[in-house]
Amino acid sequence: MGIGALKARARGISLGLYAGDMGALAETARAAREMGATILHFDEMDGTFAPPFLGGAALVAAVRGAVPEAFLDVHLMHARPAAQVGAYLEAGADLISVHAEAEGAAGALEAIRAAARPVLAGLALAPGTDPDPALVARADLILVLSLDPRSMSKPDISAACAALEALRNSTNRTKPLLAFDGGVSLDTIDRIAAARPDMIVSGSAVMKHARPAEAFAQMRAAWQKAQK
């Protein structure tokens, strides 16, 4: 499968697995697939760039084994992502996003793009980050965050939607996929979907809902409607 085919799969609602039962992650992943989720999201935190420590490549590998057909979306919130990219490539990630604010982001993106199999290289942007155009040019996907994971600031949906639109205009030549993360709920999904991101990340709003399948269906319907 080439990069073009992976980009086609990286569209829709990316469901944050760690908002579910981490003690039964394989079962959580299977349940997510049964409700229609094709993209599974992993918030990987090293406890340095973004506290606390969360995740690990072994968990991604376990989910790959449980649901081999799923698209695995890894958000690497690590201070030195280049040192960790190899482990997540080996674990079976289809998309790895590293932060523009992290040390060695350019090298991490290059390592992803040089992988033995096609993997999408993502660039994550915290609020207020004005990314280096050279980094943007290396990215297959740009992940716009409405909050800063380093401080867990309050989500600013309006600012993130404006940043997404600005990126759409400034990347008209390279046309990376655009994704949105942070503050996504059943109350905000219509507003966020209206900004027409290719991917929207949501975790707790679905996984902690009394009826997760219904919540996911509402999220997906809002995204699909905005894409028409």
C-alpha atoms as a PDB file:
ATOM      1  CA  MET A   1       0.000   0.000   0.000  1.00  0.00           C
ATOM      2  CA  GLY A   2       1.434   3.360  -1.060  1.00  0.00           C
ATOM      3  CA  ILE A   3       1.281   6.795   0.564  1.00  0.00           C
ATOM      4  CA  GLY A   4      -1.709   7.789  -1.574  1.00  0.00           C
ATOM      5  CA  ALA A   5      -3.727   4.808  -0.364  1.00  0.00           C
ATOM      6  CA  LEU A   6      -2.774   5.525   3.247  1.00  0.00           C
ATOM      7  CA  LYS A   7      -3.910   9.137   2.867  1.00  0.00           C
ATOM      8  CA  ALA A   8      -7.265   7.908   1.599  1.00  0.00           C
ATOM      9  CA  ARG A   9      -7.634   5.776   4.745  1.00  0.00           C
ATOM     10  CA  ALA A  10      -6.604   8.640   7.063  1.00  0.00           C
ATOM     11  CA  ARG A  11      -9.907  10.463   6.729  1.00  0.00           C
ATOM     12  CA  GLY A  12     -12.765  10.535   9.217  1.00  0.00           C
ATOM     13  CA  ILE A  13     -12.978  10.228  13.009  1.00  0.00           C
ATOM     14  CA  SER A  14      -9.818   8.984  14.707  1.00  0.00           C
ATOM     15  CA  LEU A  15     -10.944   7.350  17.936  1.00  0.00           C
ATOM     16  CA  GLY A  16      -8.707   7.779  20.995  1.00  0.00           C
ATOM     17  CA  LEU A  17      -8.318   4.300  22.476  1.00  0.00           C
ATOM     18  CA  TYR A  18      -6.648   5.370  25.706  1.00  0.00           C
ATOM     19  CA  ALA A  19      -9.888   7.072  26.760  1.00  0.00           C
ATOM     20  CA  GLY A  20     -11.338   3.564  27.013  1.00  0.00           C
ATOM     21  CA  ASP A  21     -10.348   0.632  29.196  1.00  0.00           C
ATOM     22  CA  MET A  22      -6.550   0.485  29.046  1.00  0.00           C
ATOM     23  CA  GLY A  23      -6.625  -2.690  31.108  1.00  0.00           C
ATOM     24  CA  ALA A  24      -8.344  -4.442  28.213  1.00  0.00           C
ATOM     25  CA  LEU A  25      -6.950  -2.534  25.254  1.00  0.00           C
ATOM     26  CA  ALA A  26      -7.362  -5.314  22.677  1.00  0.00           C
ATOM     27  CA  GLU A  27     -11.024  -5.719  23.591  1.00  0.00           C
ATOM     28  CA  THR A  28     -11.466  -1.933  23.504  1.00  0.00           C
ATOM     29  CA  ALA A  29      -9.970  -1.850  20.004  1.00  0.00           C
ATOM     30  CA  ARG A  30     -12.247  -4.637  18.802  1.00  0.00           C
ATOM     31  CA  ALA A  31     -15.273  -2.836  20.250  1.00  0.00           C
ATOM     32  CA  ALA A  32     -14.196   0.354  18.479  1.00  0.00           C
ATOM     33  CA  ARG A  33     -14.007  -1.509  15.190  1.00  0.00           C
ATOM     34  CA  GLU A  34     -17.468  -3.004  15.777  1.00  0.00           C
ATOM     35  CA  MET A  35     -18.955   0.485  16.200  1.00  0.00           C
ATOM     36  CA  GLY A  36     -17.457   1.461  12.840  1.00  0.00           C
ATOM     37  CA  ALA A  37     -14.167   3.110  13.782  1.00  0.00           C
ATOM     38  CA  THR A  38     -11.538   2.503  11.107  1.00  0.00           C
ATOM     39  CA  ILE A  39      -8.895   4.891  12.549  1.00  0.00           C
ATOM     40  CA  LEU A  40      -7.574   4.310  16.067  1.00  0.00           C
ATOM     41  CA  HIS A  41      -5.660   7.083  17.818  1.00  0.00           C
ATOM     42  CA  PHE A  42      -2.876   6.743  20.395  1.00  0.00           C
ATOM     43  CA  ASP A  43      -1.799   9.681  22.592  1.00  0.00           C
ATOM     44  CA  GLU A  44       1.815   8.828  23.421  1.00  0.00           C
ATOM     45  CA  MET A  45       3.285  11.002  26.187  1.00  0.00           C
ATOM     46  CA  ASP A  46       6.865  10.738  27.494  1.00  0.00           C
ATOM     47  CA  GLY A  47       6.250  12.538  30.783  1.00  0.00           C
ATOM     48  CA  THR A  48       8.783  15.211  29.741  1.00  0.00           C
ATOM     49  CA  PHE A  49       7.400  17.025  26.732  1.00  0.00           C
ATOM     50  CA  ALA A  50       3.866  16.350  27.950  1.00  0.00           C
ATOM     51  CA  PRO A  51       3.064  14.946  31.389  1.00  0.00           C
ATOM     52  CA  PRO A  52       2.206  12.363  32.528  1.00  0.00           C
ATOM     53  CA  PHE A  53       3.779   9.296  30.943  1.00  0.00           C
ATOM     54  CA  LEU A  54       1.205   7.478  28.837  1.00  0.00           C
ATOM     55  CA  GLY A  55       1.277   4.673  26.299  1.00  0.00           C
ATOM     56  CA  GLY A  56       4.203   2.862  24.756  1.00  0.00           C
ATOM     57  CA  ALA A  57       5.023   1.154  21.479  1.00  0.00           C
ATOM     58  CA  ALA A  58       4.151  -2.234  22.979  1.00  0.00           C
ATOM     59  CA  LEU A  59       0.539  -1.132  23.390  1.00  0.00           C
ATOM     60  CA  VAL A  60       0.373  -0.039  19.754  1.00  0.00           C
ATOM     61  CA  ALA A  61       1.803  -3.404  18.710  1.00  0.00           C
ATOM     62  CA  ALA A  62      -0.797  -5.223  20.814  1.00  0.00           C
ATOM     63  CA  VAL A  63      -3.608  -3.340  19.110  1.00  0.00           C
ATOM     64  CA  ARG A  64      -2.077  -4.048  15.699  1.00  0.00           C
ATOM     65  CA  GLY A  65      -2.226  -7.727  16.550  1.00  0.00           C
ATOM     66  CA  ALA A  66      -5.821  -7.493  17.762  1.00  0.00           C
ATOM     67  CA  VAL A  67      -7.206  -5.481  14.829  1.00  0.00           C
ATOM     68  CA  PRO A  68      -4.764  -5.895  11.928  1.00  0.00           C
ATOM     69  CA  GLU A  69      -7.090  -4.140   9.471  1.00  0.00           C
ATOM     70  CA  ALA A  70      -7.324  -0.878  11.463  1.00  0.00           C
ATOM     71  CA  PHE A  71      -5.452   2.329  10.603  1.00  0.00           C
ATOM     72  CA  LEU A  72      -3.230   3.171  13.586  1.00  0.00           C
ATOM     73  CA  ASP A  73      -2.706   6.885  14.231  1.00  0.00           C
ATOM     74  CA  VAL A  74       0.082   7.699  16.716  1.00  0.00           C
ATOM     75  CA  HIS A  75       0.419  11.196  18.221  1.00  0.00           C
ATOM     76  CA  LEU A  76       3.947  11.243  19.620  1.00  0.00           C
ATOM     77  CA  MET A  77       4.164  13.871  22.370  1.00  0.00           C
ATOM     78  CA  HIS A  78       7.854  13.248  23.075  1.00  0.00           C
ATOM     79  CA  ALA A  79      10.661  15.723  23.706  1.00  0.00           C
ATOM     80  CA  ARG A  80      13.027  13.841  21.355  1.00  0.00           C
ATOM     81  CA  PRO A  81      10.762  11.977  18.919  1.00  0.00           C
ATOM     82  CA  ALA A  82      13.504  10.846  16.550  1.00  0.00           C
ATOM     83  CA  ALA A  83      14.749   8.437  19.232  1.00  0.00           C
ATOM     84  CA  GLN A  84      11.327   6.768  19.477  1.00  0.00           C
ATOM     85  CA  VAL A  85      10.070   6.695  15.892  1.00  0.00           C
ATOM     86  CA  GLY A  86      11.697   3.346  15.125  1.00  0.00           C
ATOM     87  CA  ALA A  87       9.832   1.565  17.919  1.00  0.00           C
ATOM     88  CA  TYR A  88       6.476   2.845  16.697  1.00  0.00           C
ATOM     89  CA  LEU A  89       7.279   1.937  13.107  1.00  0.00           C
ATOM     90  CA  GLU A  90       8.069  -1.586  14.263  1.00  0.00           C
ATOM     91  CA  ALA A  91       4.837  -1.638  16.294  1.00  0.00           C
ATOM     92  CA  GLY A  92       2.810  -1.145  13.114  1.00  0.00           C
ATOM     93  CA  ALA A  93       1.800   2.530  13.130  1.00  0.00           C
ATOM     94  CA  ASP A  94       0.326   3.825   9.864  1.00  0.00           C
ATOM     95  CA  LEU A  95       0.673   7.495  10.834  1.00  0.00           C
ATOM     96  CA  ILE A  96       3.125   9.025  13.293  1.00  0.00           C
ATOM     97  CA  SER A  97       2.746  12.704  14.169  1.00  0.00           C
ATOM     98  CA  VAL A  98       5.615  14.484  15.937  1.00  0.00           C
ATOM     99  CA  HIS A  99       5.516  17.949  17.441  1.00  0.00           C
ATOM    100  CA  ALA A 100       7.020  20.921  15.631  1.00  0.00           C
ATOM    101  CA  GLU A 101       8.011  22.202  19.080  1.00  0.00           C
ATOM    102  CA  ALA A 102      10.068  19.080  19.898  1.00  0.00           C
ATOM    103  CA  GLU A 103      13.824  18.772  19.502  1.00  0.00           C
ATOM    104  CA  GLY A 104      14.812  17.082  16.247  1.00  0.00           C
ATOM    105  CA  ALA A 105      11.357  17.174  14.656  1.00  0.00           C
ATOM    106  CA  ALA A 106      12.859  17.365  11.157  1.00  0.00           C
ATOM    107  CA  GLY A 107      14.934  14.248  11.726  1.00  0.00           C
ATOM    108  CA  ALA A 108      11.926  12.394  13.095  1.00  0.00           C
ATOM    109  CA  LEU A 109       9.876  13.245  10.011  1.00  0.00           C
ATOM    110  CA  GLU A 110      12.687  12.062   7.772  1.00  0.00           C
ATOM    111  CA  ALA A 111      12.955   8.788   9.690  1.00  0.00           C
ATOM    112  CA  ILE A 112       9.243   8.162   9.190  1.00  0.00           C
ATOM    113  CA  ARG A 113       9.453   8.914   5.494  1.00  0.00           C
ATOM    114  CA  ALA A 114      12.476   6.614   5.143  1.00  0.00           C
ATOM    115  CA  ALA A 115      10.682   3.630   6.704  1.00  0.00           C
ATOM    116  CA  ALA A 116      10.851   0.297   4.913  1.00  0.00           C
ATOM    117  CA  ARG A 117       7.080   0.381   4.407  1.00  0.00           C
ATOM    118  CA  PRO A 118       4.843   3.367   3.612  1.00  0.00           C
ATOM    119  CA  VAL A 119       3.931   5.332   6.761  1.00  0.00           C
ATOM    120  CA  LEU A 120       2.453   8.825   6.897  1.00  0.00           C
ATOM    121  CA  ALA A 121       4.622  11.510   8.506  1.00  0.00           C
ATOM    122  CA  GLY A 122       2.532  13.898  10.585  1.00  0.00           C
ATOM    123  CA  LEU A 123       3.451  17.276  12.066  1.00  0.00           C
ATOM    124  CA  ALA A 124       1.568  18.323  15.215  1.00  0.00           C
ATOM    125  CA  LEU A 125       1.188  22.006  16.054  1.00  0.00           C
ATOM    126  CA  ALA A 126       0.400  23.312  19.528  1.00  0.00           C
ATOM    127  CA  PRO A 127      -1.569  26.595  19.746  1.00  0.00           C
ATOM    128  CA  GLY A 128       0.518  29.607  18.812  1.00  0.00           C
ATOM    129  CA  THR A 129       3.186  27.646  16.929  1.00  0.00           C
ATOM    130  CA  ASP A 130       4.249  29.218  13.650  1.00  0.00           C
ATOM    131  CA  PRO A 131       5.790  26.182  11.942  1.00  0.00           C
ATOM    132  CA  ASP A 132       8.961  26.243   9.907  1.00  0.00           C
ATOM    133  CA  PRO A 133       7.917  25.953   6.235  1.00  0.00           C
ATOM    134  CA  ALA A 134      10.614  23.308   5.788  1.00  0.00           C
ATOM    135  CA  LEU A 135       8.901  21.127   8.403  1.00  0.00           C
ATOM    136  CA  VAL A 136       5.502  21.647   6.827  1.00  0.00           C
ATOM    137  CA  ALA A 137       6.891  20.611   3.446  1.00  0.00           C
ATOM    138  CA  ARG A 138       8.008  17.255   4.927  1.00  0.00           C
ATOM    139  CA  ALA A 139       4.583  16.432   6.382  1.00  0.00           C
ATOM    140  CA  ASP A 140       1.929  14.198   4.839  1.00  0.00           C
ATOM    141  CA  LEU A 141      -0.519  15.393   7.526  1.00  0.00           C
ATOM    142  CA  ILE A 142      -0.652  18.420   9.816  1.00  0.00           C
ATOM    143  CA  LEU A 143      -2.370  17.942  13.169  1.00  0.00           C
ATOM    144  CA  VAL A 144      -3.762  21.199  14.590  1.00  0.00           C
ATOM    145  CA  LEU A 145      -4.279  21.143  18.358  1.00  0.00           C
ATOM    146  CA  SER A 146      -6.790  23.381  20.101  1.00  0.00           C
ATOM    147  CA  LEU A 147      -4.915  23.013  23.407  1.00  0.00           C
ATOM    148  CA  ASP A 148      -1.271  22.712  24.403  1.00  0.00           C
ATOM    149  CA  PRO A 149      -0.509  19.225  25.793  1.00  0.00           C
ATOM    150  CA  ARG A 150       2.445  20.637  27.717  1.00  0.00           C
ATOM    151  CA  SER A 151       0.185  22.757  29.919  1.00  0.00           C
ATOM    152  CA  MET A 152      -3.262  21.273  29.166  1.00  0.00           C
ATOM    153  CA  SER A 153      -4.595  24.742  28.490  1.00  0.00           C
ATOM    154  CA  LYS A 154      -8.290  25.229  27.834  1.00  0.00           C
ATOM    155  CA  PRO A 155      -9.225  24.314  24.229  1.00  0.00           C
ATOM    156  CA  ASP A 156      -9.622  27.274  21.887  1.00  0.00           C
ATOM    157  CA  ILE A 157     -11.796  25.847  19.131  1.00  0.00           C
ATOM    158  CA  SER A 158     -12.119  29.104  17.191  1.00  0.00           C
ATOM    159  CA  ALA A 159      -8.364  29.709  17.065  1.00  0.00           C
ATOM    160  CA  ALA A 160      -7.670  26.120  15.992  1.00  0.00           C
ATOM    161  CA  CYS A 161     -10.279  26.267  13.222  1.00  0.00           C
ATOM    162  CA  ALA A 162      -8.738  29.544  12.006  1.00  0.00           C
ATOM    163  CA  ALA A 163      -5.268  27.961  12.075  1.00  0.00           C
ATOM    164  CA  LEU A 164      -6.544  25.016  10.075  1.00  0.00           C
ATOM    165  CA  GLU A 165      -7.985  27.311   7.411  1.00  0.00           C
ATOM    166  CA  ALA A 166      -4.753  29.301   7.250  1.00  0.00           C
ATOM    167  CA  LEU A 167      -2.802  26.091   6.748  1.00  0.00           C
ATOM    168  CA  ARG A 168      -5.173  24.994   4.006  1.00  0.00           C
ATOM    169  CA  ASN A 169      -4.390  28.215   2.144  1.00  0.00           C
ATOM    170  CA  SER A 170      -0.636  28.188   2.782  1.00  0.00           C
ATOM    171  CA  THR A 171      -0.169  24.527   1.803  1.00  0.00           C
ATOM    172  CA  ASN A 172      -2.177  24.710  -1.396  1.00  0.00           C
ATOM    173  CA  ARG A 173       0.802  23.413  -3.381  1.00  0.00           C
ATOM    174  CA  THR A 174       1.761  20.398  -1.270  1.00  0.00           C
ATOM    175  CA  LYS A 175      -1.782  19.658   0.019  1.00  0.00           C
ATOM    176  CA  PRO A 176      -1.073  17.679   3.194  1.00  0.00           C
ATOM    177  CA  LEU A 177      -4.005  16.179   5.031  1.00  0.00           C
ATOM    178  CA  LEU A 178      -5.283  18.427   7.832  1.00  0.00           C
ATOM    179  CA  ALA A 179      -6.403  17.062  11.188  1.00  0.00           C
ATOM    180  CA  PHE A 180      -7.989  18.553  14.325  1.00  0.00           C
ATOM    181  CA  ASP A 181      -7.464  17.447  17.933  1.00  0.00           C
ATOM    182  CA  GLY A 182      -8.570  18.779  21.324  1.00  0.00           C
ATOM    183  CA  GLY A 183     -11.930  19.758  22.756  1.00  0.00           C
ATOM    184  CA  VAL A 184     -13.900  17.571  20.369  1.00  0.00           C
ATOM    185  CA  SER A 185     -17.273  16.721  21.907  1.00  0.00           C
ATOM    186  CA  LEU A 186     -20.847  16.176  20.792  1.00  0.00           C
ATOM    187  CA  ASP A 187     -21.407  19.872  21.492  1.00  0.00           C
ATOM    188  CA  THR A 188     -18.469  21.057  19.351  1.00  0.00           C
ATOM    189  CA  ILE A 189     -18.310  18.467  16.559  1.00  0.00           C
ATOM    190  CA  ASP A 190     -20.533  20.376  14.112  1.00  0.00           C
ATOM    191  CA  ARG A 191     -18.461  23.534  14.500  1.00  0.00           C
ATOM    192  CA  ILE A 192     -15.186  21.659  14.069  1.00  0.00           C
ATOM    193  CA  ALA A 193     -16.448  19.580  11.141  1.00  0.00           C
ATOM    194  CA  ALA A 194     -17.502  22.805   9.394  1.00  0.00           C
ATOM    195  CA  ALA A 195     -13.798  23.709   9.164  1.00  0.00           C
ATOM    196  CA  ARG A 196     -13.498  20.600   6.952  1.00  0.00           C
ATOM    197  CA  PRO A 197     -10.512  18.794   8.465  1.00  0.00           C
ATOM    198  CA  ASP A 198      -9.690  15.499   6.816  1.00  0.00           C
ATOM    199  CA  MET A 199      -9.469  13.868  10.239  1.00  0.00           C
ATOM    200  CA  ILE A 200     -10.948  14.704  13.639  1.00  0.00           C
ATOM    201  CA  VAL A 201      -9.564  13.097  16.799  1.00  0.00           C
ATOM    202  CA  SER A 202     -11.989  12.287  19.608  1.00  0.00           C
ATOM    203  CA  GLY A 203     -11.525  10.137  22.677  1.00  0.00           C
ATOM    204  CA  SER A 204     -13.449  10.732  25.898  1.00  0.00           C
ATOM    205  CA  ALA A 205     -16.532  12.165  24.190  1.00  0.00           C
ATOM    206  CA  VAL A 206     -17.084   8.741  22.638  1.00  0.00           C
ATOM    207  CA  MET A 207     -15.358   6.235  24.875  1.00  0.00           C
ATOM    208  CA  LYS A 208     -16.774   7.590  28.138  1.00  0.00           C
ATOM    209  CA  HIS A 209     -20.264   8.188  26.748  1.00  0.00           C
ATOM    210  CA  ALA A 210     -23.090   6.057  28.135  1.00  0.00           C
ATOM    211  CA  ARG A 211     -23.740   4.866  24.562  1.00  0.00           C
ATOM    212  CA  PRO A 212     -20.370   4.981  22.760  1.00  0.00           C
ATOM    213  CA  ALA A 213     -21.654   3.618  19.444  1.00  0.00           C
ATOM    214  CA  GLU A 214     -24.323   6.326  19.240  1.00  0.00           C
ATOM    215  CA  ALA A 215     -21.804   9.039  20.110  1.00  0.00           C
ATOM    216  CA  PHE A 216     -19.381   7.776  17.469  1.00  0.00           C
ATOM    217  CA  ALA A 217     -22.138   7.616  14.852  1.00  0.00           C
ATOM    218  CA  GLN A 218     -23.054  11.241  15.597  1.00  0.00           C
ATOM    219  CA  MET A 219     -19.420  12.314  15.264  1.00  0.00           C
ATOM    220  CA  ARG A 220     -18.972  10.458  11.998  1.00  0.00           C
ATOM    221  CA  ALA A 221     -22.241  11.810  10.545  1.00  0.00           C
ATOM    222  CA  ALA A 222     -21.203  15.392  11.334  1.00  0.00           C
ATOM    223  CA  TRP A 223     -17.835  14.893   9.624  1.00  0.00           C
ATOM    224  CA  GLN A 224     -19.411  13.233   6.585  1.00  0.00           C
ATOM    225  CA  LYS A 225     -22.016  15.986   6.205  1.00  0.00           C
ATOM    226  CA  ALA A 226     -19.347  18.695   6.204  1.00  0.00           C
ATOM    227  CA  GLN A 227     -17.314  16.876   3.556  1.00  0.00           C
ATOM    228  CA  LYS A 228     -20.114  17.021   0.968  1.00  0.00           C
END
